[in-house]
Amino acid sequence: MLTYIFHVAIEGLTFLFPRGGLNIRFIITILIHVLPRLISPLVYGLRDTMFRKYLRRYLVCSIHKQP
């Protein structure tokens, strides 16, 4: 869906910041094309109960007392 605003975002930001054309193109490409593909597996993974169980176990810091 974000692909539709790619050219509009580049043209608008290049108009506002004419010297940063290459940087704007790079940042917009990352935000619109790459970032959603990286976030999608995490979102669907968090919906999975088994993944969520192991995520809580390994990412939540806790102190375990040894007997």
C-alpha atoms as a PDB file:
ATOM      1  CA  MET A   1       0.000   0.000   0.000  1.00  0.00           C
ATOM      2  CA  LEU A   2       2.793   2.426   0.797  1.00  0.00           C
ATOM      3  CA  THR A   3       4.197   1.964  -2.704  1.00  0.00           C
ATOM      4  CA  TYR A   4       1.550   4.346  -4.006  1.00  0.00           C
ATOM      5  CA  ILE A   5       2.990   7.257  -2.038  1.00  0.00           C
ATOM      6  CA  PHE A   6       6.614   6.542  -3.005  1.00  0.00           C
ATOM      7  CA  HIS A   7       6.876   9.076  -5.837  1.00  0.00           C
ATOM      8  CA  VAL A   8       4.719  11.668  -4.082  1.00  0.00           C
ATOM      9  CA  ALA A   9       6.921  11.483  -0.975  1.00  0.00           C
ATOM     10  CA  ILE A  10      10.135  11.728  -2.990  1.00  0.00           C
ATOM     11  CA  GLU A  11       8.909  14.670  -5.066  1.00  0.00           C
ATOM     12  CA  GLY A  12       7.553  16.509  -2.032  1.00  0.00           C
ATOM     13  CA  LEU A  13      10.635  16.049   0.125  1.00  0.00           C
ATOM     14  CA  THR A  14      12.997  16.816  -2.754  1.00  0.00           C
ATOM     15  CA  PHE A  15      11.083  20.043  -3.322  1.00  0.00           C
ATOM     16  CA  LEU A  16      11.464  20.968   0.362  1.00  0.00           C
ATOM     17  CA  PHE A  17      15.102  19.830   0.652  1.00  0.00           C
ATOM     18  CA  PRO A  18      16.690  20.117  -2.813  1.00  0.00           C
ATOM     19  CA  ARG A  19      20.244  19.274  -1.718  1.00  0.00           C
ATOM     20  CA  GLY A  20      19.343  15.980  -0.058  1.00  0.00           C
ATOM     21  CA  GLY A  21      17.896  14.183  -3.077  1.00  0.00           C
ATOM     22  CA  LEU A  22      19.972  11.024  -2.781  1.00  0.00           C
ATOM     23  CA  ASN A  23      19.517  10.756   0.985  1.00  0.00           C
ATOM     24  CA  ILE A  24      15.774  11.326   0.663  1.00  0.00           C
ATOM     25  CA  ARG A  25      15.509   8.603  -1.955  1.00  0.00           C
ATOM     26  CA  PHE A  26      17.429   6.169   0.256  1.00  0.00           C
ATOM     27  CA  ILE A  27      15.393   6.881   3.409  1.00  0.00           C
ATOM     28  CA  ILE A  28      12.034   6.725   1.619  1.00  0.00           C
ATOM     29  CA  THR A  29      13.026   3.436  -0.030  1.00  0.00           C
ATOM     30  CA  ILE A  30      13.941   1.939   3.341  1.00  0.00           C
ATOM     31  CA  LEU A  31      10.759   3.193   5.014  1.00  0.00           C
ATOM     32  CA  ILE A  32       8.350   2.171   2.264  1.00  0.00           C
ATOM     33  CA  HIS A  33       9.845  -1.010   0.809  1.00  0.00           C
ATOM     34  CA  VAL A  34      12.091  -2.652   3.392  1.00  0.00           C
ATOM     35  CA  LEU A  35      10.708  -1.783   6.827  1.00  0.00           C
ATOM     36  CA  PRO A  36       7.196  -3.264   6.332  1.00  0.00           C
ATOM     37  CA  ARG A  37       8.710  -6.553   5.168  1.00  0.00           C
ATOM     38  CA  LEU A  38      10.834  -6.718   8.313  1.00  0.00           C
ATOM     39  CA  ILE A  39       8.013  -5.848  10.690  1.00  0.00           C
ATOM     40  CA  SER A  40       5.413  -8.226   9.221  1.00  0.00           C
ATOM     41  CA  PRO A  41       6.974 -11.492  10.510  1.00  0.00           C
ATOM     42  CA  LEU A  42       7.299 -10.001  13.988  1.00  0.00           C
ATOM     43  CA  VAL A  43       3.650  -8.958  14.075  1.00  0.00           C
ATOM     44  CA  TYR A  44       2.417 -12.357  12.932  1.00  0.00           C
ATOM     45  CA  GLY A  45       4.893 -14.044  15.237  1.00  0.00           C
ATOM     46  CA  LEU A  46       3.534 -12.167  18.245  1.00  0.00           C
ATOM     47  CA  ARG A  47       0.058 -13.404  17.378  1.00  0.00           C
ATOM     48  CA  ASP A  48       1.272 -16.999  17.622  1.00  0.00           C
ATOM     49  CA  THR A  49       0.898 -18.296  21.194  1.00  0.00           C
ATOM     50  CA  MET A  50       3.910 -20.627  21.064  1.00  0.00           C
ATOM     51  CA  PHE A  51       6.216 -17.882  19.779  1.00  0.00           C
ATOM     52  CA  ARG A  52       4.879 -15.448  22.371  1.00  0.00           C
ATOM     53  CA  LYS A  53       5.602 -17.935  25.154  1.00  0.00           C
ATOM     54  CA  TYR A  54       9.244 -18.321  24.145  1.00  0.00           C
ATOM     55  CA  LEU A  55       9.614 -14.595  23.496  1.00  0.00           C
ATOM     56  CA  ARG A  56       8.544 -13.852  27.051  1.00  0.00           C
ATOM     57  CA  ARG A  57      10.878 -16.502  28.382  1.00  0.00           C
ATOM     58  CA  TYR A  58      13.997 -15.318  26.573  1.00  0.00           C
ATOM     59  CA  LEU A  59      13.518 -11.562  26.248  1.00  0.00           C
ATOM     60  CA  VAL A  60      12.087 -10.647  29.623  1.00  0.00           C
ATOM     61  CA  CYS A  61      14.893 -10.202  32.093  1.00  0.00           C
ATOM     62  CA  SER A  62      14.309 -11.934  35.381  1.00  0.00           C
ATOM     63  CA  ILE A  63      16.365 -13.221  38.255  1.00  0.00           C
ATOM     64  CA  HIS A  64      16.200 -16.951  38.861  1.00  0.00           C
ATOM     65  CA  LYS A  65      17.155 -18.261  42.268  1.00  0.00           C
ATOM     66  CA  GLN A  66      19.125 -21.446  42.219  1.00  0.00           C
ATOM     67  CA  PRO A  67      18.401 -23.937  45.028  1.00  0.00           C
END
